[in-house]
Each structure stands twice: as structure tokens, then as C-alpha cells.
Amino acid sequence: MAAYTGGMAFDDLRQDYDGAPLLEGLCESDPREQFRGWFDAAIATGMDMPNAMTLATVDPFGVPQARIVLLKELDSEGFVFFTNYESRKGQDLAANNKASLMFWWRELARQVRISGDVHKVSAVVSDAYFATRPRESNLAAMASDQSRTLESRKVLESRMRALDSGALVRPDYWGGYRLIPKSFEFWQGRPDRAHDRLEYLPQAGGGWQIRRLYP
């Protein structure tokens, strides 16, 4: 294999954006409703996994960490996802519960950034969601010491087979988190990189302030 000798240029991948204007007067006053509208539009395109989102945390050494997780519920309090509480992201959140989410919907040239505090959902909520998952998915969740070193795939498969008898009960180390938003940013790709960016911040007396940001 040839040695790596230099950088890589990606100018030939450049694309322009032709999204519709994102105007304050046409936006919902509540960013959660604005998000719901954009999320529904993303679903309507038929794109794969419109609920995929980047979850960014900070590890105990202050190093940012990011990975893709799936939004499983949006309720009046916030954005819910599920994972192994003992995973790296779980450890990050146990030490520092501040995190950010980012959705990217390429077909619409839209992204949404959401920051806030993350808390575990109740055991009742986690149990209810666990019961809806495919059996194979729950076997994998139960067998996985997520983020820890795995000697081989055969070890994981062997652990799954050993667990595959009778009813499956959600383990205490697996469940949901809810990010309670403290800020939103809606980004709409526009021609010539003159993008639209609207930020929502909570107001002291209730409600949300909307302000436009330079692209």
C-alpha cells in the first residue's frame, strides 16, 4: 500500500443550496412546534432515518465526543433517545449532563441544533419502549458491554444465544434519556452560502426570543 503523502481536496464536491427563505414572520413562536413542522417535512421526503441525530457530549477530560443516535420520542419536555447507561456516552452524561443534538436533512438543506440538559427517563418509560423493540435488538442490548473492548464478534454472538430463552427483561443498565432544550438553532441552506440561521432562546418571563444570526 502506498504511503500517504499529502492532503485531499474536495472542491469538486461543492454544491449550492436553493432552500426557501427562513423568515421570522413565518416561523412558529415555540421552537418545538417549528421543529415538528420541519421534522414532518423531512419524513415527507421519504429520506432514510429522518430521526437520526448527532449527540455531542463532553468526556471527563473535556474532550468533545459525538455519535449518531435515533430520536425515539418528542414530548412536551424534550427529545428522548435510548442507550446503554454504562456506555461512553452514558458515562459522559453522568459526569456532565449538558449535551447537544444536531439533525441534518440533506434533501431539504436543513439542519437543527438543540442544546440542553439530559436526564434519565423513568423506568416505566424505558420498560415500555423496551417491550416494543425486536427481540434480536433486545438480545444485543442485553449482551453488549457497550464501548468496552470485545475480543471477537463470536463472543458477542455467543452471549446473545445464551440469553435467548424465555421472556426478556430490560436490564437496569439500559434505558432512555431526555434532552430538555435550552436553545434551538434552525439553519436553512440558501444560494451563494448566504444561509438563513434563526436562534431561539428562552425569555425570563416565559416564551422564546428569536434572533437572526449571520451565516
N, C-alpha and C. Protein backbone atom coordinates (compact mmCIF):
# COMPACT_ATOMS: atom_id res chain seq x y z
N MET A 1 0.84 -1.19 0.00
CA MET A 1 0.00 0.00 0.00
C MET A 1 0.88 1.24 0.00
N ALA A 2 0.55 2.19 -0.87
CA ALA A 2 1.35 3.40 -0.97
C ALA A 2 1.20 4.24 0.30
N ALA A 3 2.30 4.90 0.66
CA ALA A 3 2.27 5.75 1.84
C ALA A 3 1.44 6.99 1.57
N TYR A 4 0.79 7.48 2.61
CA TYR A 4 0.02 8.72 2.49
C TYR A 4 0.99 9.88 2.42
N THR A 5 0.90 10.69 1.38
CA THR A 5 1.90 11.73 1.15
C THR A 5 1.37 13.14 1.19
N GLY A 6 0.08 13.34 1.30
CA GLY A 6 -0.41 14.72 1.28
C GLY A 6 -1.87 14.83 1.61
N GLY A 7 -2.38 16.03 1.47
CA GLY A 7 -3.78 16.29 1.77
C GLY A 7 -4.70 15.88 0.64
N MET A 8 -5.99 16.05 0.90
CA MET A 8 -7.02 15.73 -0.09
C MET A 8 -7.89 16.95 -0.29
N ALA A 9 -8.16 17.27 -1.53
CA ALA A 9 -9.01 18.42 -1.85
C ALA A 9 -10.39 17.93 -2.25
N PHE A 10 -11.41 18.65 -1.81
CA PHE A 10 -12.78 18.22 -2.07
C PHE A 10 -13.59 19.31 -2.78
N ASP A 11 -12.91 20.19 -3.48
CA ASP A 11 -13.62 21.27 -4.17
C ASP A 11 -14.63 20.74 -5.18
N ASP A 12 -14.35 19.56 -5.75
CA ASP A 12 -15.26 19.03 -6.77
C ASP A 12 -16.56 18.52 -6.15
N LEU A 13 -16.66 18.48 -4.82
CA LEU A 13 -17.89 18.05 -4.15
C LEU A 13 -18.78 19.22 -3.75
N ARG A 14 -18.32 20.43 -4.04
CA ARG A 14 -19.07 21.61 -3.62
C ARG A 14 -20.44 21.64 -4.30
N GLN A 15 -21.47 21.96 -3.53
CA GLN A 15 -22.83 22.11 -4.05
C GLN A 15 -23.41 23.43 -3.56
N ASP A 16 -24.34 23.97 -4.33
CA ASP A 16 -25.05 25.15 -3.88
C ASP A 16 -26.37 24.70 -3.27
N TYR A 17 -26.99 25.59 -2.51
CA TYR A 17 -28.26 25.30 -1.87
C TYR A 17 -29.33 26.22 -2.43
N ASP A 18 -30.54 25.71 -2.55
CA ASP A 18 -31.62 26.52 -3.11
C ASP A 18 -32.87 26.46 -2.22
N GLY A 19 -32.66 26.41 -0.91
CA GLY A 19 -33.78 26.31 0.00
C GLY A 19 -34.61 27.58 0.03
N ALA A 20 -35.88 27.43 0.44
CA ALA A 20 -36.78 28.59 0.57
C ALA A 20 -36.33 29.45 1.74
N PRO A 21 -36.61 30.74 1.72
CA PRO A 21 -36.21 31.62 2.81
C PRO A 21 -36.79 31.19 4.16
N LEU A 22 -35.99 31.34 5.20
CA LEU A 22 -36.43 31.09 6.57
C LEU A 22 -36.64 32.45 7.21
N LEU A 23 -37.90 32.85 7.34
CA LEU A 23 -38.24 34.20 7.79
C LEU A 23 -38.89 34.17 9.16
N GLU A 24 -38.50 35.12 10.00
CA GLU A 24 -39.02 35.17 11.35
C GLU A 24 -40.55 35.22 11.38
N GLY A 25 -41.15 35.99 10.49
CA GLY A 25 -42.59 36.16 10.49
C GLY A 25 -43.37 34.91 10.12
N LEU A 26 -42.68 33.94 9.53
CA LEU A 26 -43.34 32.70 9.11
C LEU A 26 -43.02 31.53 10.04
N CYS A 27 -42.23 31.78 11.07
CA CYS A 27 -41.83 30.71 11.99
C CYS A 27 -42.79 30.61 13.17
N GLU A 28 -42.86 29.43 13.75
CA GLU A 28 -43.64 29.23 14.96
C GLU A 28 -42.96 29.96 16.12
N SER A 29 -43.77 30.47 17.05
CA SER A 29 -43.21 31.16 18.21
C SER A 29 -42.55 30.19 19.18
N ASP A 30 -42.99 28.93 19.16
CA ASP A 30 -42.42 27.89 20.00
C ASP A 30 -41.49 27.04 19.15
N PRO A 31 -40.20 26.94 19.49
CA PRO A 31 -39.27 26.19 18.64
C PRO A 31 -39.61 24.71 18.54
N ARG A 32 -40.29 24.16 19.53
CA ARG A 32 -40.68 22.75 19.45
C ARG A 32 -41.68 22.53 18.34
N GLU A 33 -42.60 23.50 18.15
CA GLU A 33 -43.54 23.40 17.04
C GLU A 33 -42.85 23.63 15.71
N GLN A 34 -41.88 24.53 15.68
CA GLN A 34 -41.09 24.73 14.47
C GLN A 34 -40.34 23.46 14.10
N PHE A 35 -39.80 22.81 15.11
CA PHE A 35 -39.09 21.55 14.87
C PHE A 35 -40.04 20.48 14.33
N ARG A 36 -41.23 20.38 14.93
CA ARG A 36 -42.19 19.38 14.48
C ARG A 36 -42.54 19.58 13.00
N GLY A 37 -42.70 20.84 12.60
CA GLY A 37 -43.01 21.11 11.20
C GLY A 37 -41.88 20.68 10.28
N TRP A 38 -40.67 21.00 10.67
CA TRP A 38 -39.53 20.60 9.85
C TRP A 38 -39.34 19.08 9.86
N PHE A 39 -39.59 18.46 11.00
CA PHE A 39 -39.44 17.00 11.08
C PHE A 39 -40.47 16.31 10.19
N ASP A 40 -41.69 16.79 10.21
CA ASP A 40 -42.73 16.23 9.34
C ASP A 40 -42.36 16.40 7.88
N ALA A 41 -41.77 17.55 7.53
CA ALA A 41 -41.35 17.78 6.15
C ALA A 41 -40.23 16.82 5.75
N ALA A 42 -39.34 16.52 6.69
CA ALA A 42 -38.26 15.58 6.42
C ALA A 42 -38.82 14.18 6.17
N ILE A 43 -39.79 13.77 7.00
CA ILE A 43 -40.43 12.47 6.80
C ILE A 43 -41.10 12.41 5.43
N ALA A 44 -41.75 13.50 5.03
CA ALA A 44 -42.49 13.53 3.77
C ALA A 44 -41.59 13.36 2.56
N THR A 45 -40.29 13.66 2.68
CA THR A 45 -39.39 13.48 1.54
C THR A 45 -39.11 12.01 1.25
N GLY A 46 -39.37 11.15 2.24
CA GLY A 46 -39.07 9.73 2.07
C GLY A 46 -37.62 9.39 2.35
N MET A 47 -36.86 10.31 2.92
CA MET A 47 -35.45 10.06 3.21
C MET A 47 -35.30 8.97 4.26
N ASP A 48 -34.14 8.33 4.26
CA ASP A 48 -33.84 7.32 5.25
C ASP A 48 -33.57 7.96 6.61
N MET A 49 -34.12 7.40 7.62
CA MET A 49 -33.87 7.76 9.02
C MET A 49 -33.86 9.27 9.28
N PRO A 50 -34.96 9.96 9.05
CA PRO A 50 -35.00 11.38 9.38
C PRO A 50 -34.83 11.65 10.87
N ASN A 51 -34.99 10.61 11.70
CA ASN A 51 -34.83 10.77 13.15
C ASN A 51 -33.40 10.53 13.62
N ALA A 52 -32.46 10.33 12.69
CA ALA A 52 -31.06 10.19 13.07
C ALA A 52 -30.52 11.55 13.51
N MET A 53 -29.80 11.58 14.61
CA MET A 53 -29.29 12.84 15.12
C MET A 53 -27.91 12.62 15.75
N THR A 54 -27.06 13.61 15.62
CA THR A 54 -25.77 13.58 16.28
C THR A 54 -25.95 14.01 17.73
N LEU A 55 -25.45 13.20 18.64
CA LEU A 55 -25.44 13.54 20.07
C LEU A 55 -24.02 13.89 20.45
N ALA A 56 -23.80 15.11 20.91
CA ALA A 56 -22.47 15.55 21.32
C ALA A 56 -22.43 15.71 22.83
N THR A 57 -21.44 15.08 23.44
CA THR A 57 -21.22 15.17 24.88
C THR A 57 -19.77 15.61 25.11
N VAL A 58 -19.41 15.78 26.37
CA VAL A 58 -18.03 16.10 26.74
C VAL A 58 -17.56 15.03 27.72
N ASP A 59 -16.39 14.43 27.44
CA ASP A 59 -15.92 13.37 28.33
C ASP A 59 -15.26 13.97 29.58
N PRO A 60 -14.88 13.14 30.54
CA PRO A 60 -14.32 13.66 31.80
C PRO A 60 -13.04 14.46 31.62
N PHE A 61 -12.38 14.35 30.46
CA PHE A 61 -11.16 15.10 30.19
C PHE A 61 -11.43 16.39 29.42
N GLY A 62 -12.71 16.70 29.21
CA GLY A 62 -13.07 17.91 28.49
C GLY A 62 -13.01 17.78 26.99
N VAL A 63 -12.90 16.56 26.48
CA VAL A 63 -12.82 16.33 25.04
C VAL A 63 -14.22 16.10 24.47
N PRO A 64 -14.63 16.85 23.45
CA PRO A 64 -15.95 16.62 22.85
C PRO A 64 -16.03 15.23 22.22
N GLN A 65 -17.17 14.60 22.35
CA GLN A 65 -17.42 13.29 21.75
C GLN A 65 -18.76 13.36 21.03
N ALA A 66 -18.84 12.78 19.84
CA ALA A 66 -20.08 12.82 19.06
C ALA A 66 -20.34 11.46 18.43
N ARG A 67 -21.62 11.15 18.31
CA ARG A 67 -22.04 9.91 17.66
C ARG A 67 -23.49 10.06 17.21
N ILE A 68 -23.92 9.19 16.31
CA ILE A 68 -25.30 9.22 15.82
C ILE A 68 -26.17 8.32 16.70
N VAL A 69 -27.30 8.87 17.15
CA VAL A 69 -28.32 8.09 17.84
C VAL A 69 -29.66 8.39 17.16
N LEU A 70 -30.70 7.70 17.59
CA LEU A 70 -32.01 7.88 16.97
C LEU A 70 -32.99 8.52 17.95
N LEU A 71 -33.67 9.55 17.48
CA LEU A 71 -34.75 10.16 18.25
C LEU A 71 -35.92 9.17 18.28
N LYS A 72 -36.38 8.83 19.48
CA LYS A 72 -37.47 7.88 19.61
C LYS A 72 -38.77 8.51 20.07
N GLU A 73 -38.69 9.69 20.67
CA GLU A 73 -39.91 10.37 21.11
C GLU A 73 -39.62 11.85 21.28
N LEU A 74 -40.58 12.68 20.90
CA LEU A 74 -40.53 14.11 21.17
C LEU A 74 -41.80 14.43 21.94
N ASP A 75 -41.63 14.81 23.20
CA ASP A 75 -42.79 15.12 24.01
C ASP A 75 -42.71 16.57 24.48
N SER A 76 -43.60 16.96 25.37
CA SER A 76 -43.66 18.35 25.81
C SER A 76 -42.41 18.77 26.58
N GLU A 77 -41.66 17.78 27.08
CA GLU A 77 -40.46 18.10 27.86
C GLU A 77 -39.20 18.13 27.01
N GLY A 78 -39.10 17.24 26.03
CA GLY A 78 -37.87 17.23 25.25
C GLY A 78 -37.74 16.05 24.31
N PHE A 79 -36.47 15.72 24.00
CA PHE A 79 -36.11 14.76 22.97
C PHE A 79 -35.57 13.50 23.63
N VAL A 80 -36.18 12.35 23.31
CA VAL A 80 -35.89 11.10 24.01
C VAL A 80 -35.12 10.14 23.10
N PHE A 81 -34.05 9.56 23.65
CA PHE A 81 -33.32 8.50 22.96
C PHE A 81 -32.95 7.44 23.99
N PHE A 82 -32.54 6.26 23.51
CA PHE A 82 -32.26 5.14 24.40
C PHE A 82 -30.86 4.59 24.12
N THR A 83 -30.22 4.09 25.19
CA THR A 83 -28.87 3.56 25.03
C THR A 83 -28.48 2.81 26.29
N ASN A 84 -27.25 2.34 26.30
CA ASN A 84 -26.67 1.68 27.47
C ASN A 84 -26.15 2.76 28.42
N TYR A 85 -26.62 2.77 29.65
CA TYR A 85 -26.22 3.79 30.61
C TYR A 85 -24.72 3.70 30.96
N GLU A 86 -24.12 2.51 30.74
CA GLU A 86 -22.71 2.33 31.08
C GLU A 86 -21.79 2.55 29.88
N SER A 87 -22.35 2.96 28.75
CA SER A 87 -21.55 3.24 27.56
C SER A 87 -20.74 4.52 27.77
N ARG A 88 -19.91 4.85 26.81
CA ARG A 88 -19.13 6.09 26.92
C ARG A 88 -20.04 7.31 27.00
N LYS A 89 -21.08 7.33 26.20
CA LYS A 89 -21.98 8.48 26.26
C LYS A 89 -22.70 8.53 27.60
N GLY A 90 -23.04 7.36 28.15
CA GLY A 90 -23.67 7.31 29.46
C GLY A 90 -22.74 7.82 30.55
N GLN A 91 -21.47 7.46 30.46
CA GLN A 91 -20.50 7.94 31.43
C GLN A 91 -20.29 9.45 31.30
N ASP A 92 -20.25 9.92 30.05
CA ASP A 92 -20.13 11.37 29.83
C ASP A 92 -21.28 12.11 30.48
N LEU A 93 -22.49 11.61 30.25
CA LEU A 93 -23.68 12.30 30.76
C LEU A 93 -23.79 12.21 32.28
N ALA A 94 -23.26 11.14 32.86
CA ALA A 94 -23.27 11.02 34.32
C ALA A 94 -22.36 12.08 34.95
N ALA A 95 -21.26 12.41 34.26
CA ALA A 95 -20.32 13.40 34.77
C ALA A 95 -20.72 14.82 34.42
N ASN A 96 -21.36 15.00 33.27
CA ASN A 96 -21.76 16.33 32.78
C ASN A 96 -22.98 16.14 31.92
N ASN A 97 -24.13 16.54 32.42
CA ASN A 97 -25.38 16.23 31.71
C ASN A 97 -25.74 17.25 30.64
N LYS A 98 -24.84 18.16 30.31
CA LYS A 98 -25.10 19.11 29.24
C LYS A 98 -24.68 18.49 27.91
N ALA A 99 -25.56 18.61 26.90
CA ALA A 99 -25.29 17.96 25.62
C ALA A 99 -25.97 18.74 24.50
N SER A 100 -25.63 18.37 23.28
CA SER A 100 -26.25 18.98 22.10
C SER A 100 -26.68 17.90 21.13
N LEU A 101 -27.75 18.19 20.41
CA LEU A 101 -28.23 17.34 19.33
C LEU A 101 -28.13 18.12 18.02
N MET A 102 -27.90 17.39 16.93
CA MET A 102 -27.89 18.04 15.62
C MET A 102 -28.55 17.12 14.59
N PHE A 103 -29.57 17.64 13.93
CA PHE A 103 -30.24 16.94 12.83
C PHE A 103 -29.76 17.55 11.51
N TRP A 104 -29.49 16.70 10.53
CA TRP A 104 -29.12 17.16 9.19
C TRP A 104 -30.03 16.45 8.19
N TRP A 105 -30.83 17.25 7.47
CA TRP A 105 -31.73 16.72 6.46
C TRP A 105 -31.27 17.22 5.10
N ARG A 106 -30.44 16.43 4.44
CA ARG A 106 -29.78 16.84 3.20
C ARG A 106 -30.78 17.20 2.11
N GLU A 107 -31.85 16.40 1.99
CA GLU A 107 -32.82 16.64 0.92
C GLU A 107 -33.48 18.01 1.02
N LEU A 108 -33.52 18.57 2.20
CA LEU A 108 -34.14 19.88 2.42
C LEU A 108 -33.12 20.98 2.68
N ALA A 109 -31.83 20.60 2.69
CA ALA A 109 -30.75 21.54 3.02
C ALA A 109 -31.06 22.25 4.35
N ARG A 110 -31.41 21.43 5.35
CA ARG A 110 -31.76 21.98 6.66
C ARG A 110 -31.01 21.26 7.77
N GLN A 111 -30.64 22.02 8.76
CA GLN A 111 -30.13 21.40 9.98
C GLN A 111 -30.73 22.12 11.19
N VAL A 112 -30.83 21.38 12.28
CA VAL A 112 -31.32 21.93 13.54
C VAL A 112 -30.36 21.52 14.64
N ARG A 113 -29.95 22.51 15.42
CA ARG A 113 -29.09 22.27 16.59
C ARG A 113 -29.89 22.57 17.85
N ILE A 114 -29.79 21.67 18.83
CA ILE A 114 -30.54 21.80 20.07
C ILE A 114 -29.60 21.51 21.23
N SER A 115 -29.52 22.41 22.20
CA SER A 115 -28.67 22.21 23.36
C SER A 115 -29.51 22.24 24.62
N GLY A 116 -29.08 21.49 25.62
CA GLY A 116 -29.83 21.47 26.86
C GLY A 116 -29.25 20.50 27.86
N ASP A 117 -30.03 20.20 28.87
CA ASP A 117 -29.64 19.27 29.92
C ASP A 117 -30.30 17.91 29.68
N VAL A 118 -29.56 16.85 29.99
CA VAL A 118 -30.04 15.49 29.74
C VAL A 118 -30.29 14.79 31.08
N HIS A 119 -31.45 14.13 31.17
CA HIS A 119 -31.81 13.37 32.37
C HIS A 119 -32.36 12.01 31.94
N LYS A 120 -32.19 11.01 32.78
CA LYS A 120 -32.77 9.69 32.51
C LYS A 120 -34.30 9.79 32.56
N VAL A 121 -34.96 9.05 31.68
CA VAL A 121 -36.41 8.93 31.75
C VAL A 121 -36.75 7.94 32.86
N SER A 122 -38.01 7.83 33.19
CA SER A 122 -38.42 6.91 34.25
C SER A 122 -38.25 5.46 33.79
N ALA A 123 -38.14 4.57 34.77
CA ALA A 123 -38.06 3.14 34.46
C ALA A 123 -39.30 2.66 33.72
N VAL A 124 -40.44 3.26 34.03
CA VAL A 124 -41.69 2.89 33.35
C VAL A 124 -41.61 3.19 31.87
N VAL A 125 -41.07 4.36 31.52
CA VAL A 125 -40.93 4.73 30.11
C VAL A 125 -39.93 3.81 29.42
N SER A 126 -38.82 3.53 30.07
CA SER A 126 -37.82 2.64 29.48
C SER A 126 -38.36 1.23 29.28
N ASP A 127 -39.09 0.73 30.28
CA ASP A 127 -39.69 -0.61 30.16
C ASP A 127 -40.67 -0.67 28.99
N ALA A 128 -41.48 0.36 28.85
CA ALA A 128 -42.48 0.38 27.78
C ALA A 128 -41.81 0.38 26.42
N TYR A 129 -40.76 1.15 26.26
CA TYR A 129 -40.08 1.17 24.96
C TYR A 129 -39.36 -0.16 24.71
N PHE A 130 -38.70 -0.70 25.72
CA PHE A 130 -38.00 -1.98 25.57
C PHE A 130 -38.94 -3.06 25.07
N ALA A 131 -40.17 -3.03 25.55
CA ALA A 131 -41.16 -4.04 25.17
C ALA A 131 -41.58 -3.94 23.70
N THR A 132 -41.34 -2.78 23.06
CA THR A 132 -41.72 -2.62 21.65
C THR A 132 -40.60 -3.02 20.69
N ARG A 133 -39.40 -3.22 21.19
CA ARG A 133 -38.26 -3.48 20.32
C ARG A 133 -38.24 -4.92 19.82
N PRO A 134 -37.66 -5.16 18.63
CA PRO A 134 -37.49 -6.54 18.16
C PRO A 134 -36.67 -7.35 19.17
N ARG A 135 -37.00 -8.60 19.30
CA ARG A 135 -36.32 -9.46 20.26
C ARG A 135 -34.80 -9.45 20.03
N GLU A 136 -34.40 -9.52 18.76
CA GLU A 136 -32.97 -9.57 18.45
C GLU A 136 -32.26 -8.31 18.93
N SER A 137 -32.95 -7.16 18.81
CA SER A 137 -32.36 -5.91 19.26
C SER A 137 -32.17 -5.91 20.77
N ASN A 138 -33.15 -6.45 21.47
CA ASN A 138 -33.03 -6.51 22.93
C ASN A 138 -31.95 -7.51 23.36
N LEU A 139 -31.82 -8.60 22.63
CA LEU A 139 -30.75 -9.55 22.94
C LEU A 139 -29.39 -8.87 22.79
N ALA A 140 -29.23 -8.09 21.73
CA ALA A 140 -27.97 -7.40 21.51
C ALA A 140 -27.71 -6.39 22.62
N ALA A 141 -28.76 -5.67 23.03
CA ALA A 141 -28.61 -4.68 24.11
C ALA A 141 -28.21 -5.35 25.41
N MET A 142 -28.80 -6.50 25.70
CA MET A 142 -28.51 -7.20 26.95
C MET A 142 -27.12 -7.84 26.94
N ALA A 143 -26.68 -8.28 25.78
CA ALA A 143 -25.39 -8.98 25.69
C ALA A 143 -24.21 -8.05 25.59
N SER A 144 -24.45 -6.79 25.26
CA SER A 144 -23.36 -5.86 24.97
C SER A 144 -22.87 -5.13 26.22
N ASP A 145 -21.55 -5.19 26.45
CA ASP A 145 -20.89 -4.30 27.40
C ASP A 145 -20.44 -3.09 26.59
N GLN A 146 -21.39 -2.27 26.20
CA GLN A 146 -21.17 -1.24 25.18
C GLN A 146 -19.96 -0.37 25.50
N SER A 147 -19.16 -0.13 24.46
CA SER A 147 -17.96 0.72 24.48
C SER A 147 -16.75 0.03 25.09
N ARG A 148 -16.90 -1.15 25.67
CA ARG A 148 -15.76 -1.87 26.23
C ARG A 148 -15.13 -2.76 25.16
N THR A 149 -13.90 -3.17 25.37
CA THR A 149 -13.18 -3.99 24.40
C THR A 149 -13.85 -5.36 24.24
N LEU A 150 -14.06 -5.77 23.00
CA LEU A 150 -14.68 -7.06 22.66
C LEU A 150 -13.64 -7.93 21.96
N GLU A 151 -13.39 -9.10 22.53
CA GLU A 151 -12.36 -9.99 22.00
C GLU A 151 -12.63 -10.40 20.56
N SER A 152 -13.87 -10.73 20.25
CA SER A 152 -14.24 -11.12 18.89
C SER A 152 -15.75 -11.06 18.76
N ARG A 153 -16.23 -11.01 17.52
CA ARG A 153 -17.69 -10.99 17.31
C ARG A 153 -18.33 -12.29 17.82
N LYS A 154 -17.59 -13.40 17.73
CA LYS A 154 -18.12 -14.68 18.19
C LYS A 154 -18.52 -14.62 19.66
N VAL A 155 -17.78 -13.86 20.45
CA VAL A 155 -18.10 -13.74 21.87
C VAL A 155 -19.46 -13.07 22.05
N LEU A 156 -19.69 -11.99 21.29
CA LEU A 156 -20.98 -11.30 21.37
C LEU A 156 -22.12 -12.21 20.93
N GLU A 157 -21.94 -12.91 19.83
CA GLU A 157 -22.98 -13.80 19.32
C GLU A 157 -23.26 -14.93 20.31
N SER A 158 -22.22 -15.43 20.96
CA SER A 158 -22.40 -16.50 21.95
C SER A 158 -23.20 -15.99 23.14
N ARG A 159 -22.94 -14.77 23.57
CA ARG A 159 -23.68 -14.20 24.70
C ARG A 159 -25.14 -13.99 24.33
N MET A 160 -25.40 -13.58 23.09
CA MET A 160 -26.78 -13.41 22.65
C MET A 160 -27.52 -14.74 22.64
N ARG A 161 -26.88 -15.79 22.15
CA ARG A 161 -27.53 -17.11 22.13
C ARG A 161 -27.83 -17.59 23.54
N ALA A 162 -26.92 -17.34 24.45
CA ALA A 162 -27.12 -17.80 25.84
C ALA A 162 -28.30 -17.11 26.50
N LEU A 163 -28.59 -15.89 26.07
CA LEU A 163 -29.70 -15.14 26.65
C LEU A 163 -31.04 -15.44 25.98
N ASP A 164 -31.00 -16.11 24.85
CA ASP A 164 -32.20 -16.26 24.02
C ASP A 164 -33.08 -17.42 24.49
N SER A 165 -33.66 -17.27 25.66
CA SER A 165 -34.60 -18.27 26.17
C SER A 165 -35.59 -17.56 27.09
N GLY A 166 -36.85 -17.74 26.83
CA GLY A 166 -37.87 -17.13 27.66
C GLY A 166 -38.03 -15.64 27.41
N ALA A 167 -38.75 -15.01 28.33
CA ALA A 167 -39.02 -13.58 28.20
C ALA A 167 -37.77 -12.77 28.49
N LEU A 168 -37.67 -11.63 27.85
CA LEU A 168 -36.53 -10.74 28.05
C LEU A 168 -36.97 -9.56 28.92
N VAL A 169 -36.21 -9.27 29.94
CA VAL A 169 -36.50 -8.17 30.86
C VAL A 169 -35.43 -7.11 30.69
N ARG A 170 -35.87 -5.86 30.61
CA ARG A 170 -34.91 -4.77 30.42
C ARG A 170 -33.90 -4.74 31.56
N PRO A 171 -32.61 -4.74 31.22
CA PRO A 171 -31.60 -4.63 32.29
C PRO A 171 -31.52 -3.22 32.83
N ASP A 172 -31.09 -3.08 34.07
CA ASP A 172 -31.01 -1.77 34.71
C ASP A 172 -30.03 -0.84 34.00
N TYR A 173 -29.05 -1.41 33.30
CA TYR A 173 -28.02 -0.59 32.65
C TYR A 173 -28.44 -0.07 31.27
N TRP A 174 -29.67 -0.31 30.89
CA TRP A 174 -30.12 0.14 29.56
C TRP A 174 -31.44 0.90 29.72
N GLY A 175 -31.55 2.04 29.05
CA GLY A 175 -32.79 2.81 29.15
C GLY A 175 -32.71 4.12 28.40
N GLY A 176 -33.62 5.01 28.74
CA GLY A 176 -33.76 6.24 27.98
C GLY A 176 -33.21 7.47 28.66
N TYR A 177 -32.92 8.45 27.82
CA TYR A 177 -32.55 9.80 28.26
C TYR A 177 -33.47 10.79 27.58
N ARG A 178 -33.67 11.92 28.22
CA ARG A 178 -34.43 13.01 27.61
C ARG A 178 -33.58 14.28 27.67
N LEU A 179 -33.34 14.90 26.52
CA LEU A 179 -32.68 16.20 26.50
C LEU A 179 -33.75 17.27 26.59
N ILE A 180 -33.66 18.10 27.62
CA ILE A 180 -34.60 19.21 27.82
C ILE A 180 -33.96 20.46 27.22
N PRO A 181 -34.52 20.97 26.14
CA PRO A 181 -33.83 22.02 25.37
C PRO A 181 -33.78 23.37 26.09
N LYS A 182 -32.61 24.02 25.91
CA LYS A 182 -32.42 25.38 26.39
C LYS A 182 -32.14 26.35 25.25
N SER A 183 -31.86 25.81 24.08
CA SER A 183 -31.67 26.66 22.90
C SER A 183 -31.86 25.82 21.65
N PHE A 184 -32.33 26.48 20.60
CA PHE A 184 -32.50 25.87 19.29
C PHE A 184 -31.84 26.77 18.25
N GLU A 185 -31.31 26.16 17.20
CA GLU A 185 -30.91 26.93 16.03
C GLU A 185 -31.39 26.21 14.78
N PHE A 186 -32.14 26.92 13.94
CA PHE A 186 -32.64 26.39 12.68
C PHE A 186 -31.81 27.00 11.54
N TRP A 187 -31.26 26.15 10.71
CA TRP A 187 -30.38 26.55 9.61
C TRP A 187 -31.00 26.11 8.29
N GLN A 188 -31.15 27.04 7.39
CA GLN A 188 -31.68 26.74 6.06
C GLN A 188 -30.64 27.11 5.02
N GLY A 189 -30.20 26.12 4.24
CA GLY A 189 -29.24 26.39 3.18
C GLY A 189 -29.85 27.29 2.11
N ARG A 190 -29.10 28.32 1.72
CA ARG A 190 -29.56 29.29 0.73
C ARG A 190 -28.48 29.48 -0.34
N PRO A 191 -28.86 30.04 -1.50
CA PRO A 191 -27.88 30.22 -2.58
C PRO A 191 -26.71 31.10 -2.14
N ASP A 192 -25.55 30.83 -2.75
CA ASP A 192 -24.34 31.63 -2.56
C ASP A 192 -23.85 31.64 -1.12
N ARG A 193 -24.19 30.61 -0.35
CA ARG A 193 -23.77 30.48 1.04
C ARG A 193 -24.33 31.58 1.95
N ALA A 194 -25.32 32.31 1.48
CA ALA A 194 -25.98 33.33 2.31
C ALA A 194 -27.12 32.66 3.07
N HIS A 195 -26.77 31.72 3.92
CA HIS A 195 -27.75 30.87 4.59
C HIS A 195 -28.58 31.65 5.61
N ASP A 196 -29.75 31.10 5.94
CA ASP A 196 -30.60 31.65 6.99
C ASP A 196 -30.37 30.87 8.27
N ARG A 197 -30.17 31.59 9.37
CA ARG A 197 -29.99 30.97 10.69
C ARG A 197 -30.84 31.73 11.71
N LEU A 198 -31.75 31.01 12.35
CA LEU A 198 -32.57 31.59 13.40
C LEU A 198 -32.34 30.84 14.70
N GLU A 199 -32.05 31.60 15.74
CA GLU A 199 -31.80 31.02 17.05
C GLU A 199 -32.95 31.35 17.99
N TYR A 200 -33.40 30.36 18.73
CA TYR A 200 -34.44 30.53 19.76
C TYR A 200 -33.78 30.41 21.13
N LEU A 201 -34.01 31.42 21.98
CA LEU A 201 -33.51 31.41 23.34
C LEU A 201 -34.67 31.69 24.31
N PRO A 202 -34.70 31.02 25.46
CA PRO A 202 -35.80 31.26 26.40
C PRO A 202 -35.74 32.66 26.99
N GLN A 203 -36.92 33.25 27.20
CA GLN A 203 -37.02 34.56 27.81
C GLN A 203 -37.34 34.41 29.30
N ALA A 204 -36.88 35.37 30.08
CA ALA A 204 -37.06 35.30 31.53
C ALA A 204 -38.53 35.21 31.92
N GLY A 205 -39.39 35.93 31.21
CA GLY A 205 -40.80 35.93 31.56
C GLY A 205 -41.61 34.83 30.89
N GLY A 206 -40.95 33.90 30.24
CA GLY A 206 -41.65 32.85 29.51
C GLY A 206 -41.61 33.10 28.02
N GLY A 207 -41.81 32.06 27.25
CA GLY A 207 -41.75 32.18 25.80
C GLY A 207 -40.31 32.17 25.31
N TRP A 208 -40.17 32.44 24.02
CA TRP A 208 -38.86 32.34 23.38
C TRP A 208 -38.56 33.59 22.57
N GLN A 209 -37.31 34.01 22.63
CA GLN A 209 -36.81 35.09 21.78
C GLN A 209 -36.23 34.48 20.51
N ILE A 210 -36.55 35.07 19.36
CA ILE A 210 -35.99 34.63 18.09
C ILE A 210 -35.03 35.70 17.59
N ARG A 211 -33.82 35.29 17.28
CA ARG A 211 -32.89 36.26 16.71
C ARG A 211 -32.17 35.63 15.52
N ARG A 212 -31.86 36.47 14.55
CA ARG A 212 -31.19 36.02 13.33
C ARG A 212 -29.68 36.09 13.54
N LEU A 213 -28.98 35.08 13.03
CA LEU A 213 -27.53 35.02 13.12
C LEU A 213 -26.92 35.16 11.72
N TYR A 214 -25.76 35.77 11.66
CA TYR A 214 -25.03 35.78 10.40
C TYR A 214 -24.73 34.35 9.97
N PRO A 215 -24.75 34.08 8.65
CA PRO A 215 -24.43 32.72 8.19
C PRO A 215 -22.94 32.42 8.35
